[in-house]
Amino acid sequence: MALRKAFVSGGHVYCQPRREDRDVAMCFGCRRLREVNDRSSPPFIQCDVTDMPQADANDPRFVEWWYAHHRRGPSAHG
């Protein structure tokens, strides 16, 4: 079984099988879900991706999700 972490940010995760932003609550009924870890920082879920190709970190949909959910505060230089 191949497991992959998806970090939770603002109650959302980037679902690699569906290649989209999803509310983490939608993961609870998914057959791929193996673990929910809300005690770590950042919290994450782990999914079984055995029958999936490796996701590309340059996937434009993942990059869009990352910037939407990981906003930085005001710059110390600004």
Protein backbone atom coordinates (compact mmCIF):
# COMPACT_ATOMS: atom_id res chain seq x y z
CA MET A 1 0.00 0.00 0.00
CA ALA A 2 1.39 3.41 -1.00
CA LEU A 3 0.38 6.18 1.38
CA ARG A 4 0.62 9.89 0.68
CA LYS A 5 0.14 12.80 3.07
CA ALA A 6 -2.08 15.74 2.24
CA PHE A 7 -1.70 18.68 4.59
CA VAL A 8 -4.80 20.40 5.95
CA SER A 9 -4.91 24.17 5.70
CA GLY A 10 -7.93 26.24 6.64
CA GLY A 11 -10.09 23.11 6.69
CA HIS A 12 -9.07 22.24 3.11
CA VAL A 13 -6.77 19.70 1.49
CA TYR A 14 -5.53 19.28 -2.05
CA CYS A 15 -7.04 15.98 -3.18
CA GLN A 16 -4.44 14.39 -5.44
CA PRO A 17 -6.72 11.71 -6.93
CA ARG A 18 -9.29 14.32 -7.94
CA ARG A 19 -6.73 17.10 -8.50
CA GLU A 20 -8.82 19.68 -6.70
CA ASP A 21 -9.26 21.66 -3.51
CA ARG A 22 -11.66 19.90 -1.14
CA ASP A 23 -13.12 20.55 2.26
CA VAL A 24 -11.42 18.03 4.55
CA ALA A 25 -14.84 16.81 5.76
CA MET A 26 -15.40 15.38 2.27
CA CYS A 27 -12.43 13.04 2.86
CA PHE A 28 -14.14 11.18 5.69
CA GLY A 29 -16.30 9.11 3.34
CA CYS A 30 -13.50 8.42 0.85
CA ARG A 31 -12.35 4.82 0.42
CA ARG A 32 -8.72 6.00 0.07
CA LEU A 33 -8.55 7.64 3.52
CA ARG A 34 -6.27 5.76 5.94
CA GLU A 35 -5.39 8.28 8.67
CA VAL A 36 -6.42 11.67 10.00
CA ASN A 37 -3.74 13.29 12.15
CA ASP A 38 -4.98 16.50 13.75
CA ARG A 39 -2.37 16.46 16.52
CA SER A 40 0.54 17.38 14.27
CA SER A 41 1.43 20.82 13.00
CA PRO A 42 0.34 21.15 10.31
CA PRO A 43 -2.43 18.56 10.53
CA PHE A 44 -2.63 16.05 7.69
CA ILE A 45 -4.53 13.14 6.26
CA GLN A 46 -3.00 10.06 4.65
CA CYS A 47 -4.52 8.44 1.61
CA ASP A 48 -3.89 5.15 -0.17
CA VAL A 49 -2.65 6.06 -3.65
CA THR A 50 -1.46 2.61 -4.69
CA ASP A 51 -3.15 2.73 -8.10
CA MET A 52 -2.26 6.38 -8.83
CA PRO A 53 0.76 7.88 -10.56
CA GLN A 54 2.97 10.17 -8.45
CA ALA A 55 1.59 13.71 -8.32
CA ASP A 56 3.77 16.41 -9.78
CA ALA A 57 4.65 19.25 -7.37
CA ASN A 58 4.43 21.58 -10.38
CA ASP A 59 0.82 20.59 -11.05
CA PRO A 60 -0.77 24.02 -11.68
CA ARG A 61 -3.89 23.02 -9.72
CA PHE A 62 -1.76 22.15 -6.67
CA VAL A 63 0.20 25.40 -6.97
CA GLU A 64 -3.09 27.33 -7.14
CA TRP A 65 -4.35 25.48 -4.03
CA TRP A 66 -1.09 26.15 -2.17
CA TYR A 67 -1.21 29.90 -2.78
CA ALA A 68 -4.90 30.10 -1.91
CA HIS A 69 -4.41 28.38 1.46
CA HIS A 70 -0.92 29.46 2.52
CA ARG A 71 -1.07 33.23 2.47
CA ARG A 72 1.79 34.98 4.13
CA GLY A 73 1.30 37.81 6.59
CA PRO A 74 2.53 41.36 5.98
CA SER A 75 6.20 41.54 5.17
CA ALA A 76 8.59 42.75 7.85
CA HIS A 77 10.12 44.91 5.13
CA GLY A 78 6.89 46.40 3.89
